[in-house]
Amino acid sequence: MKTLVAVALLCLLLPVPALRAQSASPQPSALSPSASQVSAADLAKLDQRVTAAQSSADNAWMLVSAALVLMMTGPGLALFYGGLVRQKNTLAIMMQSFALMALITVLWALVGYSLCFGEGTPIIGGFSHVMLRGVGVDPNADYGGTIPQLTFMVYQLMFAIITPALITGATAERMKFSGTVMFMALWFLFVYAPLAHMVWGKGGLLNATLGGQFPTLDFAGGTVVHITSGVSALVCALYLGKRQGYPKEPMPPHSLVLSFMGACMLWVGWFGFNAGSALASNGLATSAFVATHFAAAAATIGWLVAEWTTRGRPSALGAISGAVAGLVAITPASGFVTPMPALVIGLVAGVGCFLMVTWVKGMFGYDDALDAFGVHGAGGTLGALLTGVFATRSVQAVFHDAQGRALPVGLIDGNAGQIGYQLAGIAMAWAFALVGTIVLLKITDLVVGVRATEEAEIEGLDLTEHGEEAYNLEM
């Protein structure tokens, strides 16, 4: 295709008289050998320019996408979670998101990127890129042939930052800052890194395109990001126990305005999260962009209808919770489904996650403070499973036969077996998150402790952990 474009451009650049002279010549050999050499050189130069233009466009989109994903953590998630807690814990929960932006970045540079995307075993990457060795402006064809590997590296870093930050929604208002820092560092190294390598890394056990034994479809992080963080959030909530006074004392959000702004930023940032996972500025990015938006809208409506039907009125909290649920569920499917299935996935997620945070949470009585499991764990699981149902080769031809012809991708596309692979990926993510979180919480508890004292919790973590208050109400 690039060669054809180059030929077309060259023809346009040729002088009209020269074209007429050539057309009038009875002999094709009238073109001298030296002129043939010049034409070939010009074609090569034009081909290089087309390639450079494509690379520049893809790189620009990926840098913007990286910034959008970082915006999802701060300010998006920080505001979203910050408004949902009580006033005395506002800074504490926001500080956790902000601190993880710094902590995970350093760990990523030292060893995290290598563990996720360096060649290694089917479970974990190797140490070829420790301290970012060999990661420069040249592309890595396995992970994005038109962008610098440095761009791919920093884009994936933003995923690594937000994933542990999601867990803090379950530990809100009762986990010490020191415990959060140590646990999240360990969790990133021993839970996130293996799952990221298994699903996205070359030779990973669950990788669908680069030699995985169980090809699990996860375009932008349904298993890697949402299932792992959501399930780990549930384990943390159970391990820490309920907040002082829960559920007898009312604990409403102190500022839905903050949460509303945070949710809007999450919605916008999610375009970088999903559409950016195309790793190029192309039609696949557009398809993922559209699917993301449609699913969020449908989930918002689904949650509100369920809430309106069961509780008599739709709430602002329900609207933003539904939107996030839809964004979570479409994440693994966004690069594999058309717009109408995206609406279905969003609608199912909106209703399903509403039931999880109301009926199921109430039935079992666990204190998932900000519903990290109900939205991310449940939404991610639903999305990963429905990806296997609705994925189609018309959006992305993932599988091919020996002759290079596109094979069916999901159930409705004619590949019923993909459901089994999706279940394998879901089970692996659940198992890693469950076992890893329990072990790492025990280690953290023994070293620095995880739960704040009763006095500190009553006074509020803003003052007891950071010596500050979110609002100075003195006149």
Protein backbone atom coordinates (compact mmCIF):
# COMPACT_ATOMS: atom_id res chain seq x y z
CA MET A 1 0.00 0.00 0.00
CA LYS A 2 2.78 2.44 0.89
CA THR A 3 4.50 1.69 -2.43
CA LEU A 4 1.30 2.40 -4.36
CA VAL A 5 0.92 5.72 -2.55
CA ALA A 6 4.51 6.59 -3.34
CA VAL A 7 4.01 5.77 -7.05
CA ALA A 8 0.88 7.94 -7.15
CA LEU A 9 2.71 10.85 -5.53
CA LEU A 10 5.62 10.48 -7.96
CA CYS A 11 3.29 10.55 -10.94
CA LEU A 12 1.73 13.74 -9.69
CA LEU A 13 5.14 15.32 -9.34
CA LEU A 14 6.33 14.45 -12.86
CA PRO A 15 6.24 17.42 -15.35
CA VAL A 16 3.34 17.29 -17.79
CA PRO A 17 5.56 17.70 -20.91
CA ALA A 18 7.66 14.76 -19.79
CA LEU A 19 4.56 12.62 -19.46
CA ARG A 20 3.43 13.60 -22.94
CA ALA A 21 6.86 12.84 -24.39
CA GLN A 22 6.87 9.40 -22.82
CA SER A 23 3.35 8.64 -24.03
CA ALA A 24 4.33 9.72 -27.56
CA SER A 25 7.43 7.51 -27.61
CA PRO A 26 6.83 4.20 -29.38
CA GLN A 27 9.57 2.43 -27.43
CA PRO A 28 9.37 1.74 -23.60
CA SER A 29 13.16 1.61 -23.62
CA ALA A 30 13.29 5.34 -24.32
CA LEU A 31 13.70 5.83 -20.59
CA SER A 32 17.45 5.80 -20.02
CA PRO A 33 19.08 3.57 -17.33
CA SER A 34 20.14 6.63 -15.37
CA ALA A 35 16.54 7.92 -15.33
CA SER A 36 15.34 4.51 -14.10
CA GLN A 37 17.77 4.70 -11.25
CA VAL A 38 16.58 8.19 -10.33
CA SER A 39 12.95 7.05 -10.35
CA ALA A 40 13.72 4.12 -8.10
CA ALA A 41 15.56 6.40 -5.70
CA ASP A 42 12.64 8.82 -5.69
CA LEU A 43 10.24 5.98 -4.95
CA ALA A 44 12.41 4.88 -2.05
CA LYS A 45 12.49 8.40 -0.63
CA LEU A 46 8.73 8.77 -0.94
CA ASP A 47 8.25 5.41 0.74
CA GLN A 48 10.43 6.59 3.62
CA ARG A 49 8.39 9.77 3.92
CA VAL A 50 5.11 7.83 4.02
CA THR A 51 6.53 5.54 6.70
CA ALA A 52 7.78 8.51 8.70
CA ALA A 53 4.40 10.22 8.46
CA GLN A 54 2.61 7.11 9.68
CA SER A 55 5.06 6.71 12.56
CA SER A 56 4.67 10.35 13.56
CA ALA A 57 0.87 10.11 13.56
CA ASP A 58 0.88 6.88 15.57
CA ASN A 59 3.41 8.22 18.05
CA ALA A 60 1.45 11.43 18.58
CA TRP A 61 -1.74 9.48 19.28
CA MET A 62 0.04 7.14 21.69
CA LEU A 63 1.62 9.99 23.67
CA VAL A 64 -1.80 11.65 23.97
CA SER A 65 -3.29 8.32 25.03
CA ALA A 66 -0.61 7.88 27.70
CA ALA A 67 -1.47 11.32 29.09
CA LEU A 68 -5.20 10.45 29.06
CA VAL A 69 -4.60 7.25 31.01
CA LEU A 70 -2.48 9.09 33.57
CA MET A 71 -5.32 11.59 33.92
CA MET A 72 -7.55 8.68 34.90
CA THR A 73 -5.55 8.22 38.11
CA GLY A 74 -4.90 11.84 38.94
CA PRO A 75 -7.15 13.74 38.87
CA GLY A 76 -9.85 11.29 37.69
CA LEU A 77 -9.74 8.48 40.25
CA ALA A 78 -8.45 10.78 43.00
CA LEU A 79 -11.50 13.03 42.64
CA PHE A 80 -13.90 10.13 42.14
CA TYR A 81 -12.76 8.33 45.30
CA GLY A 82 -12.09 11.58 47.16
CA GLY A 83 -15.71 12.67 46.93
CA LEU A 84 -17.07 9.27 47.97
CA VAL A 85 -15.35 9.10 51.36
CA ARG A 86 -16.20 11.12 54.44
CA GLN A 87 -14.67 14.56 54.72
CA LYS A 88 -12.08 13.51 57.31
CA ASN A 89 -10.54 11.01 54.88
CA THR A 90 -10.53 13.05 51.66
CA LEU A 91 -6.83 13.84 51.47
CA ALA A 92 -5.83 10.37 52.62
CA ILE A 93 -7.58 8.59 49.75
CA MET A 94 -6.42 11.15 47.18
CA MET A 95 -2.87 10.93 48.50
CA GLN A 96 -2.86 7.19 47.89
CA SER A 97 -3.60 7.66 44.19
CA PHE A 98 -1.02 10.42 43.88
CA ALA A 99 1.67 8.49 45.75
CA LEU A 100 1.16 5.47 43.50
CA MET A 101 1.84 7.65 40.46
CA ALA A 102 5.34 8.17 41.84
CA LEU A 103 5.95 4.77 43.45
CA ILE A 104 4.89 2.60 40.50
CA THR A 105 6.80 4.80 38.04
CA VAL A 106 10.08 4.17 39.85
CA LEU A 107 9.43 0.44 40.19
CA TRP A 108 8.44 0.29 36.53
CA ALA A 109 11.68 1.90 35.42
CA LEU A 110 13.83 -0.33 37.61
CA VAL A 111 12.32 -3.72 36.93
CA GLY A 112 8.56 -3.59 36.26
CA TYR A 113 8.62 -3.06 32.51
CA SER A 114 11.09 -5.90 32.08
CA LEU A 115 8.97 -8.29 34.17
CA CYS A 116 5.89 -7.44 32.12
CA PHE A 117 7.28 -7.24 28.59
CA GLY A 118 10.76 -8.72 28.61
CA GLU A 119 11.06 -12.19 27.12
CA GLY A 120 10.98 -14.83 29.83
CA THR A 121 8.75 -17.72 30.86
CA PRO A 122 5.03 -18.12 30.09
CA ILE A 123 4.35 -16.73 33.60
CA ILE A 124 6.74 -13.81 34.02
CA GLY A 125 9.10 -11.77 31.86
CA GLY A 126 12.85 -11.76 32.21
CA PHE A 127 15.44 -9.14 33.12
CA SER A 128 16.49 -8.03 29.64
CA HIS A 129 15.02 -4.56 30.15
CA VAL A 130 16.01 -3.96 33.78
CA MET A 131 16.58 -0.22 34.31
CA LEU A 132 15.07 0.19 30.83
CA ARG A 133 18.13 -1.30 29.18
CA GLY A 134 17.59 -1.47 25.42
CA VAL A 135 14.40 0.61 25.53
CA GLY A 136 14.87 3.53 23.17
CA VAL A 137 13.34 5.28 20.17
CA ASP A 138 13.55 2.25 17.88
CA PRO A 139 10.26 0.29 17.61
CA ASN A 140 9.77 -3.18 19.02
CA ALA A 141 7.88 -5.01 16.28
CA ASP A 142 6.18 -7.32 18.77
CA TYR A 143 4.52 -4.46 20.65
CA GLY A 144 4.06 -1.70 18.10
CA GLY A 145 6.03 -1.57 14.89
CA THR A 146 5.39 2.10 14.14
CA ILE A 147 6.09 3.72 17.52
CA PRO A 148 9.25 3.97 19.63
CA GLN A 149 9.53 1.29 22.27
CA LEU A 150 10.00 4.15 24.73
CA THR A 151 6.49 5.33 23.86
CA PHE A 152 5.05 1.85 24.32
CA MET A 153 6.87 1.59 27.65
CA VAL A 154 5.47 4.83 29.07
CA TYR A 155 1.97 4.05 27.77
CA GLN A 156 1.94 0.70 29.56
CA LEU A 157 3.28 2.39 32.69
CA MET A 158 0.03 4.34 33.01
CA PHE A 159 -1.91 1.05 33.18
CA ALA A 160 0.42 -0.18 35.90
CA ILE A 161 -0.21 3.02 37.90
CA ILE A 162 -4.00 2.97 37.90
CA THR A 163 -4.46 -0.75 38.60
CA PRO A 164 -3.28 -0.82 42.24
CA ALA A 165 -4.88 2.59 42.78
CA LEU A 166 -8.27 1.00 42.08
CA ILE A 167 -7.80 -1.30 45.09
CA THR A 168 -7.72 1.65 47.47
CA GLY A 169 -11.46 2.02 46.97
CA ALA A 170 -11.99 -1.07 49.11
CA THR A 171 -9.46 -0.16 51.82
CA ALA A 172 -10.62 3.47 52.10
CA GLU A 173 -10.91 5.10 55.53
CA ARG A 174 -9.09 2.37 57.45
CA MET A 175 -5.77 1.35 55.86
CA LYS A 176 -2.56 3.03 57.02
CA PHE A 177 -0.51 4.92 54.47
CA SER A 178 2.63 2.90 55.27
CA GLY A 179 0.68 -0.31 54.80
CA THR A 180 -0.71 0.94 51.51
CA VAL A 181 2.73 1.81 50.16
CA MET A 182 4.33 -1.51 51.05
CA PHE A 183 1.40 -3.67 50.00
CA MET A 184 0.92 -1.90 46.67
CA ALA A 185 4.62 -2.18 45.83
CA LEU A 186 4.57 -5.92 46.50
CA TRP A 187 1.25 -6.37 44.73
CA PHE A 188 2.54 -4.64 41.62
CA LEU A 189 5.60 -6.90 41.46
CA PHE A 190 3.99 -10.23 42.32
CA VAL A 191 0.41 -9.96 41.04
CA TYR A 192 0.17 -7.31 38.34
CA ALA A 193 3.48 -8.03 36.58
CA PRO A 194 2.86 -11.78 36.08
CA LEU A 195 -0.71 -11.23 34.83
CA ALA A 196 0.39 -8.46 32.46
CA HIS A 197 3.08 -10.71 31.01
CA MET A 198 0.77 -13.71 30.71
CA VAL A 199 -1.89 -11.74 28.81
CA TRP A 200 0.11 -9.13 26.87
CA GLY A 201 3.74 -10.27 26.91
CA LYS A 202 5.37 -12.25 24.12
CA GLY A 203 5.12 -15.95 24.94
CA GLY A 204 2.78 -15.28 27.86
CA LEU A 205 0.54 -18.16 28.87
CA LEU A 206 -2.69 -16.32 28.00
CA ASN A 207 -1.45 -14.21 25.07
CA ALA A 208 -3.77 -14.48 22.07
CA THR A 209 -1.38 -13.21 19.38
CA LEU A 210 2.19 -13.84 20.53
CA GLY A 211 2.36 -17.54 21.26
CA GLY A 212 0.12 -18.07 24.28
CA GLN A 213 -1.02 -21.59 25.17
CA PHE A 214 -4.49 -20.34 26.19
CA PRO A 215 -5.29 -17.42 23.85
CA THR A 216 -7.40 -15.13 26.01
CA LEU A 217 -8.86 -12.00 24.41
CA ASP A 218 -8.15 -8.92 26.52
CA PHE A 219 -7.74 -5.82 24.41
CA ALA A 220 -7.11 -3.24 27.13
CA GLY A 221 -7.13 -4.88 30.55
CA GLY A 222 -10.31 -6.67 31.64
CA THR A 223 -8.31 -9.45 33.29
CA VAL A 224 -5.01 -7.66 33.83
CA VAL A 225 -6.46 -4.47 35.32
CA HIS A 226 -10.03 -4.88 36.48
CA ILE A 227 -10.38 -8.49 37.60
CA THR A 228 -7.08 -8.46 39.46
CA SER A 229 -7.73 -5.14 41.19
CA GLY A 230 -11.37 -5.94 41.91
CA VAL A 231 -10.75 -9.37 43.39
CA SER A 232 -7.78 -8.07 45.38
CA ALA A 233 -10.01 -5.27 46.66
CA LEU A 234 -12.50 -7.81 47.99
CA VAL A 235 -9.73 -9.74 49.74
CA CYS A 236 -8.41 -6.52 51.29
CA ALA A 237 -11.88 -5.54 52.50
CA LEU A 238 -12.38 -8.91 54.15
CA TYR A 239 -8.89 -8.95 55.66
CA LEU A 240 -9.11 -5.44 57.11
CA GLY A 241 -12.62 -5.87 58.43
CA LYS A 242 -15.40 -3.32 58.52
CA ARG A 243 -14.95 0.37 59.24
CA GLN A 244 -15.78 1.55 62.73
CA GLY A 245 -19.57 1.88 62.90
CA TYR A 246 -20.29 0.14 59.58
CA PRO A 247 -23.08 -0.55 58.66
CA LYS A 248 -25.02 0.95 61.57
CA GLU A 249 -23.72 4.50 61.18
CA PRO A 250 -24.50 6.37 57.94
CA MET A 251 -21.39 7.00 55.85
CA PRO A 252 -22.57 8.99 52.82
CA PRO A 253 -20.18 10.57 50.32
CA HIS A 254 -19.08 13.98 51.52
CA SER A 255 -18.99 15.58 48.03
CA LEU A 256 -20.72 14.05 45.03
CA VAL A 257 -19.60 17.11 43.08
CA LEU A 258 -15.98 15.96 43.34
CA SER A 259 -16.97 12.41 42.39
CA PHE A 260 -19.02 13.67 39.46
CA MET A 261 -16.05 15.58 38.06
CA GLY A 262 -13.80 12.60 38.62
CA ALA A 263 -16.19 10.28 36.80
CA CYS A 264 -16.34 12.62 33.81
CA MET A 265 -12.53 12.66 33.67
CA LEU A 266 -12.49 8.87 33.87
CA TRP A 267 -14.91 8.64 30.94
CA VAL A 268 -12.76 10.92 28.78
CA GLY A 269 -9.51 9.31 29.91
CA TRP A 270 -10.86 5.86 29.05
CA PHE A 271 -10.59 6.69 25.35
CA GLY A 272 -6.83 6.67 25.83
CA PHE A 273 -7.13 3.48 27.85
CA ASN A 274 -9.08 1.54 25.20
CA ALA A 275 -8.59 3.28 21.86
CA GLY A 276 -4.92 3.78 22.68
CA SER A 277 -4.52 0.02 23.04
CA ALA A 278 -4.67 -0.21 19.24
CA LEU A 279 -1.08 1.13 19.47
CA ALA A 280 -1.68 3.12 16.30
CA SER A 281 -3.84 5.91 14.92
CA ASN A 282 -5.96 3.65 12.73
CA GLY A 283 -9.39 2.14 12.19
CA LEU A 284 -9.03 -0.23 15.13
CA ALA A 285 -8.50 2.75 17.43
CA THR A 286 -11.69 4.30 16.06
CA SER A 287 -13.62 1.08 16.60
CA ALA A 288 -12.42 0.82 20.20
CA PHE A 289 -13.21 4.50 20.77
CA VAL A 290 -16.81 4.07 19.59
CA ALA A 291 -17.35 0.82 21.52
CA THR A 292 -16.05 2.47 24.70
CA HIS A 293 -18.42 5.42 24.46
CA PHE A 294 -21.46 3.33 23.56
CA ALA A 295 -20.91 0.87 26.41
CA ALA A 296 -20.54 3.65 28.99
CA ALA A 297 -23.77 5.26 27.82
CA ALA A 298 -25.73 2.00 27.86
CA ALA A 299 -24.41 1.07 31.31
CA THR A 300 -25.42 4.46 32.70
CA ILE A 301 -28.97 3.90 31.47
CA GLY A 302 -29.00 0.29 32.72
CA TRP A 303 -27.91 1.27 36.23
CA LEU A 304 -30.35 4.18 36.41
CA VAL A 305 -33.29 2.08 35.23
CA ALA A 306 -32.47 -0.63 37.77
CA GLU A 307 -32.14 1.95 40.52
CA TRP A 308 -35.27 3.85 39.50
CA THR A 309 -37.24 0.60 39.40
CA THR A 310 -36.09 -0.74 42.77
CA ARG A 311 -35.56 2.44 44.77
CA GLY A 312 -38.03 4.85 43.25
CA ARG A 313 -35.58 7.47 41.97
CA PRO A 314 -32.41 7.75 39.88
CA SER A 315 -29.37 9.19 41.64
CA ALA A 316 -26.29 11.07 40.49
CA LEU A 317 -24.14 8.50 42.29
CA GLY A 318 -25.91 5.77 40.37
CA ALA A 319 -25.33 7.51 37.07
CA ILE A 320 -21.58 7.88 37.52
CA SER A 321 -21.26 4.38 39.00
CA GLY A 322 -23.08 2.94 35.99
CA ALA A 323 -20.82 4.78 33.56
CA VAL A 324 -17.70 3.41 35.24
CA ALA A 325 -19.19 -0.10 35.26
CA GLY A 326 -19.75 0.10 31.50
CA LEU A 327 -16.25 1.39 30.89
CA VAL A 328 -14.83 -1.46 32.93
CA ALA A 329 -16.83 -4.13 31.11
CA ILE A 330 -16.04 -2.91 27.59
CA THR A 331 -12.30 -2.69 28.29
CA PRO A 332 -11.40 -6.27 27.27
CA ALA A 333 -13.86 -6.25 24.35
CA SER A 334 -13.33 -2.77 22.93
CA GLY A 335 -10.95 -3.87 20.18
CA PHE A 336 -13.00 -6.89 19.15
CA VAL A 337 -16.68 -5.88 19.01
CA THR A 338 -18.92 -3.73 16.85
CA PRO A 339 -21.07 -0.89 18.27
CA MET A 340 -24.31 -2.85 18.85
CA PRO A 341 -22.70 -5.58 20.99
CA ALA A 342 -20.92 -2.79 22.86
CA LEU A 343 -24.34 -1.44 23.83
CA VAL A 344 -25.36 -4.90 25.03
CA ILE A 345 -22.18 -5.34 27.09
CA GLY A 346 -22.70 -1.93 28.68
CA LEU A 347 -26.34 -2.61 29.51
CA VAL A 348 -25.53 -5.96 31.10
CA ALA A 349 -22.72 -4.41 33.11
CA GLY A 350 -24.88 -1.54 34.34
CA VAL A 351 -27.58 -3.83 35.68
CA GLY A 352 -25.18 -6.55 36.84
CA CYS A 353 -22.89 -4.22 38.79
CA PHE A 354 -25.90 -2.49 40.36
CA LEU A 355 -27.03 -5.84 41.72
CA MET A 356 -23.51 -6.58 42.98
CA VAL A 357 -23.15 -3.36 44.99
CA THR A 358 -26.68 -3.49 46.39
CA TRP A 359 -28.12 -6.97 46.70
CA VAL A 360 -24.97 -9.16 46.80
CA LYS A 361 -22.97 -6.77 49.00
CA GLY A 362 -25.92 -6.42 51.36
CA MET A 363 -26.47 -10.16 51.51
CA PHE A 364 -22.87 -10.98 52.48
CA GLY A 365 -22.26 -7.83 54.52
CA TYR A 366 -18.65 -7.14 53.50
CA ASP A 367 -17.38 -3.56 53.65
CA ASP A 368 -16.13 -2.76 50.16
CA ALA A 369 -16.10 0.94 51.01
CA LEU A 370 -16.22 2.40 47.49
CA ASP A 371 -17.42 -0.73 45.65
CA ALA A 372 -14.14 -1.55 43.95
CA PHE A 373 -15.07 -5.23 43.76
CA GLY A 374 -18.69 -4.65 42.81
CA VAL A 375 -17.73 -2.48 39.84
CA HIS A 376 -14.24 -3.60 38.78
CA GLY A 377 -14.19 -7.23 39.85
CA ALA A 378 -17.72 -8.03 38.71
CA GLY A 379 -17.64 -5.71 35.69
CA GLY A 380 -14.27 -7.01 34.55
CA THR A 381 -15.43 -10.62 34.82
CA LEU A 382 -18.62 -9.93 32.87
CA GLY A 383 -16.71 -8.04 30.21
CA ALA A 384 -14.06 -10.73 29.78
CA LEU A 385 -16.72 -13.42 29.37
CA LEU A 386 -18.84 -11.39 26.94
CA THR A 387 -15.74 -10.63 24.89
CA GLY A 388 -15.66 -14.32 24.03
CA VAL A 389 -19.28 -14.10 22.93
CA PHE A 390 -19.24 -10.98 20.73
CA ALA A 391 -15.66 -10.76 19.39
CA THR A 392 -15.62 -10.76 15.59
CA ARG A 393 -12.98 -10.92 12.89
CA SER A 394 -14.68 -8.01 11.09
CA VAL A 395 -13.21 -5.74 13.78
CA GLN A 396 -9.90 -7.49 14.35
CA ALA A 397 -8.74 -10.69 12.68
CA VAL A 398 -6.86 -12.21 15.60
CA PHE A 399 -6.63 -15.79 14.37
CA HIS A 400 -5.55 -17.07 10.95
CA ASP A 401 -5.16 -20.43 9.23
CA ALA A 402 -2.04 -21.71 7.50
CA GLN A 403 -2.97 -19.84 4.31
CA GLY A 404 -3.37 -16.55 6.18
CA ARG A 405 -7.17 -16.46 6.01
CA ALA A 406 -9.00 -14.91 8.97
CA LEU A 407 -10.65 -17.39 11.32
CA PRO A 408 -13.68 -16.85 13.58
CA VAL A 409 -12.89 -15.05 16.82
CA GLY A 410 -15.84 -15.23 19.23
CA LEU A 411 -18.97 -17.30 19.75
CA ILE A 412 -21.25 -15.36 17.40
CA ASP A 413 -18.44 -15.32 14.86
CA GLY A 414 -18.38 -19.11 14.85
CA ASN A 415 -15.69 -19.89 17.47
CA ALA A 416 -17.51 -21.36 20.48
CA GLY A 417 -14.22 -22.60 21.93
CA GLN A 418 -13.15 -19.04 22.73
CA ILE A 419 -15.53 -19.07 25.70
CA GLY A 420 -13.35 -21.76 27.26
CA TYR A 421 -10.21 -19.69 26.79
CA GLN A 422 -11.93 -16.65 28.30
CA LEU A 423 -12.92 -18.72 31.33
CA ALA A 424 -9.31 -19.91 31.65
CA GLY A 425 -8.08 -16.32 31.67
CA ILE A 426 -10.71 -15.28 34.19
CA ALA A 427 -9.85 -18.20 36.47
CA MET A 428 -6.13 -17.42 36.28
CA ALA A 429 -6.71 -13.76 37.13
CA TRP A 430 -8.98 -14.64 40.05
CA ALA A 431 -6.54 -17.22 41.41
CA PHE A 432 -3.50 -14.95 41.16
CA ALA A 433 -5.35 -12.08 42.80
CA LEU A 434 -6.83 -14.17 45.61
CA VAL A 435 -3.72 -16.07 46.63
CA GLY A 436 -1.26 -13.26 45.96
CA THR A 437 -3.24 -10.67 47.89
CA ILE A 438 -3.69 -12.86 50.95
CA VAL A 439 0.03 -13.66 51.12
CA LEU A 440 1.15 -10.08 50.52
CA LEU A 441 -1.29 -8.66 53.06
CA LYS A 442 0.07 -11.07 55.68
CA ILE A 443 3.64 -10.01 54.92
CA THR A 444 2.75 -6.33 55.02
CA ASP A 445 0.81 -6.73 58.24
CA LEU A 446 3.77 -8.40 59.92
CA VAL A 447 6.25 -5.72 58.80
CA VAL A 448 4.41 -2.40 59.09
CA GLY A 449 0.78 -3.22 59.87
CA VAL A 450 -2.15 -2.52 57.58
CA ARG A 451 -5.03 -1.17 59.64
CA ALA A 452 -5.17 2.19 61.35
CA THR A 453 -5.95 2.27 65.06
CA GLU A 454 -9.52 2.78 66.23
CA GLU A 455 -8.64 6.27 67.50
CA ALA A 456 -7.02 7.24 64.20
CA GLU A 457 -9.96 5.95 62.22
CA ILE A 458 -12.44 7.90 64.32
CA GLU A 459 -10.42 11.11 64.09
CA GLY A 460 -9.85 10.64 60.38
CA LEU A 461 -6.82 9.58 58.34
CA ASP A 462 -6.24 13.07 56.96
CA LEU A 463 -5.02 14.28 60.34
CA THR A 464 -3.61 11.07 61.80
CA GLU A 465 -1.69 9.95 58.69
CA HIS A 466 -0.78 13.27 57.07
CA GLY A 467 -1.38 16.02 59.63
CA GLU A 468 -3.61 17.97 57.24
CA GLU A 469 -7.24 18.62 56.53
CA ALA A 470 -8.97 18.75 53.18
CA TYR A 471 -11.01 21.83 54.02
CA ASN A 472 -10.18 24.81 56.23
CA LEU A 473 -13.63 25.93 57.34
CA GLU A 474 -12.41 28.62 59.73
CA MET A 475 -13.58 32.15 58.85
